[in-house]
Amino acid sequence: MTFANGAEYQGSWENSLMQGQGQMRYENGDIYKGSWVAGKKHGTGTLTTQDGQKYEGTWNNDQKSGLGVQYYADKTRFEGTFVEGKRQGEGKITNGKQFVYLGSFENDAYYTGKGVL
């Protein structure tokens, strides 16, 4: 299906909503491949953005949720848990050869609890 804004979806439908496996190419060029429930990203999937970022992991109600890996445009990589789209709980962030932090994240920020840098 091609939407009026130029976005394109290829995949399964149920009751006129994206359901099951599918791929969405958004109007800005971002691409999501993965599971859909009731028209929202839900389950396992990968979002690749035009600004050089990539997220591989689980989704809940269109938000990063559960275990995942986030790759940032500057080559920084985060592995850990997401809650409502934000880094939360235990995780590991690596910034090339500059540093590695293993520890707590709270509300998308690190160095918020116990950890090793």
Protein backbone atom coordinates (compact mmCIF):
# COMPACT_ATOMS: atom_id res chain seq x y z
CA MET A 1 0.00 0.00 0.00
CA THR A 2 1.21 3.49 -0.81
CA PHE A 3 -0.07 6.18 1.56
CA ALA A 4 -0.91 9.77 0.58
CA ASN A 5 2.27 11.05 2.31
CA GLY A 6 4.46 8.74 0.19
CA ALA A 7 5.05 6.03 2.80
CA GLU A 8 4.83 2.44 1.54
CA TYR A 9 3.88 -0.74 3.40
CA GLN A 10 4.36 -4.30 2.18
CA GLY A 11 3.11 -7.10 4.38
CA SER A 12 0.20 -8.70 6.14
CA TRP A 13 -3.09 -7.03 7.07
CA GLU A 14 -5.96 -7.88 9.37
CA ASN A 15 -9.15 -5.83 9.79
CA SER A 16 -7.63 -3.03 7.66
CA LEU A 17 -4.59 -2.74 9.99
CA MET A 18 -0.97 -3.83 9.55
CA GLN A 19 -0.73 -7.19 11.33
CA GLY A 20 1.97 -9.88 11.31
CA GLN A 21 5.17 -9.42 9.34
CA GLY A 22 5.75 -6.43 7.12
CA GLN A 23 7.99 -3.61 6.00
CA MET A 24 7.24 0.11 6.14
CA ARG A 25 9.24 2.70 4.24
CA TYR A 26 8.30 6.02 5.80
CA GLU A 27 8.04 9.28 3.88
CA ASN A 28 11.40 10.42 5.35
CA GLY A 29 13.15 7.25 4.08
CA ASP A 30 13.33 5.39 7.41
CA ILE A 31 12.60 1.66 7.08
CA TYR A 32 11.04 -0.69 9.66
CA LYS A 33 11.04 -4.45 9.05
CA GLY A 34 9.37 -6.71 11.54
CA SER A 35 6.24 -7.53 13.47
CA TRP A 36 3.06 -5.47 13.57
CA VAL A 37 0.01 -5.72 15.83
CA ALA A 38 -3.07 -3.59 15.21
CA GLY A 39 -1.11 -1.19 12.98
CA LYS A 40 1.77 -0.61 15.41
CA LYS A 41 5.33 -1.94 15.67
CA HIS A 42 5.06 -4.77 18.20
CA GLY A 43 7.30 -7.80 18.72
CA THR A 44 10.69 -8.13 17.05
CA GLY A 45 11.86 -5.72 14.39
CA THR A 46 14.56 -3.48 12.97
CA LEU A 47 14.31 0.25 12.32
CA THR A 48 16.96 1.82 10.09
CA THR A 49 16.91 5.61 9.86
CA GLN A 50 18.24 7.93 7.20
CA ASP A 51 20.49 9.70 9.71
CA GLY A 52 22.62 6.57 10.18
CA GLN A 53 20.96 5.00 13.21
CA LYS A 54 19.66 1.46 13.56
CA TYR A 55 17.68 -0.34 16.28
CA GLU A 56 17.32 -4.13 16.41
CA GLY A 57 15.15 -5.56 19.14
CA THR A 58 11.70 -5.75 20.62
CA TRP A 59 8.86 -3.27 20.32
CA ASN A 60 5.68 -2.67 22.29
CA ASN A 61 2.94 -0.36 21.05
CA ASP A 62 5.28 1.45 18.58
CA GLN A 63 8.03 2.00 21.18
CA LYS A 64 11.37 0.28 21.81
CA SER A 65 10.66 -2.04 24.70
CA GLY A 66 12.64 -4.93 26.18
CA LEU A 67 16.02 -6.12 24.93
CA GLY A 68 17.60 -4.38 22.00
CA VAL A 69 20.71 -3.00 20.34
CA GLN A 70 20.85 0.64 19.25
CA TYR A 71 23.51 1.76 16.78
CA TYR A 72 24.04 5.52 16.62
CA ALA A 73 25.36 7.53 13.68
CA ASP A 74 28.65 8.26 15.50
CA LYS A 75 29.31 4.48 15.78
CA THR A 76 28.29 4.36 19.46
CA ARG A 77 26.45 1.15 20.31
CA PHE A 78 24.07 0.41 23.20
CA GLU A 79 23.04 -3.11 24.20
CA GLY A 80 20.46 -3.49 26.91
CA THR A 81 16.91 -2.86 28.01
CA PHE A 82 14.49 -0.23 26.77
CA VAL A 83 11.32 0.94 28.51
CA GLU A 84 8.90 3.17 26.61
CA GLY A 85 11.58 3.96 24.04
CA LYS A 86 14.28 4.91 26.56
CA ARG A 87 17.39 3.10 27.83
CA GLN A 88 16.48 1.78 31.28
CA GLY A 89 18.07 -0.76 33.65
CA GLU A 90 21.26 -2.65 32.93
CA GLY A 91 23.14 -2.12 29.71
CA LYS A 92 26.41 -1.59 27.92
CA ILE A 93 27.39 1.38 25.81
CA THR A 94 30.46 1.32 23.60
CA ASN A 95 31.94 4.30 21.83
CA GLY A 96 34.59 2.83 19.58
CA LYS A 97 37.98 2.90 21.25
CA GLN A 98 37.10 5.87 23.46
CA PHE A 99 35.16 4.14 26.23
CA VAL A 100 32.94 1.28 27.35
CA TYR A 101 30.38 1.72 30.12
CA LEU A 102 28.69 -1.28 31.70
CA GLY A 103 26.07 -0.51 34.31
CA SER A 104 22.82 1.23 35.10
CA PHE A 105 20.77 3.48 32.85
CA GLU A 106 17.81 5.54 33.97
CA ASN A 107 15.41 7.48 31.78
CA ASP A 108 17.80 7.22 28.79
CA ALA A 109 20.84 8.51 30.74
CA TYR A 110 23.89 6.55 31.91
CA TYR A 111 26.24 7.05 34.86
CA THR A 112 23.07 7.04 37.00
CA GLY A 113 23.88 4.18 39.34
CA LYS A 114 26.51 1.53 39.75
CA GLY A 115 28.66 0.85 36.75
CA VAL A 116 32.13 0.41 35.33
CA LEU A 117 33.65 2.82 32.82
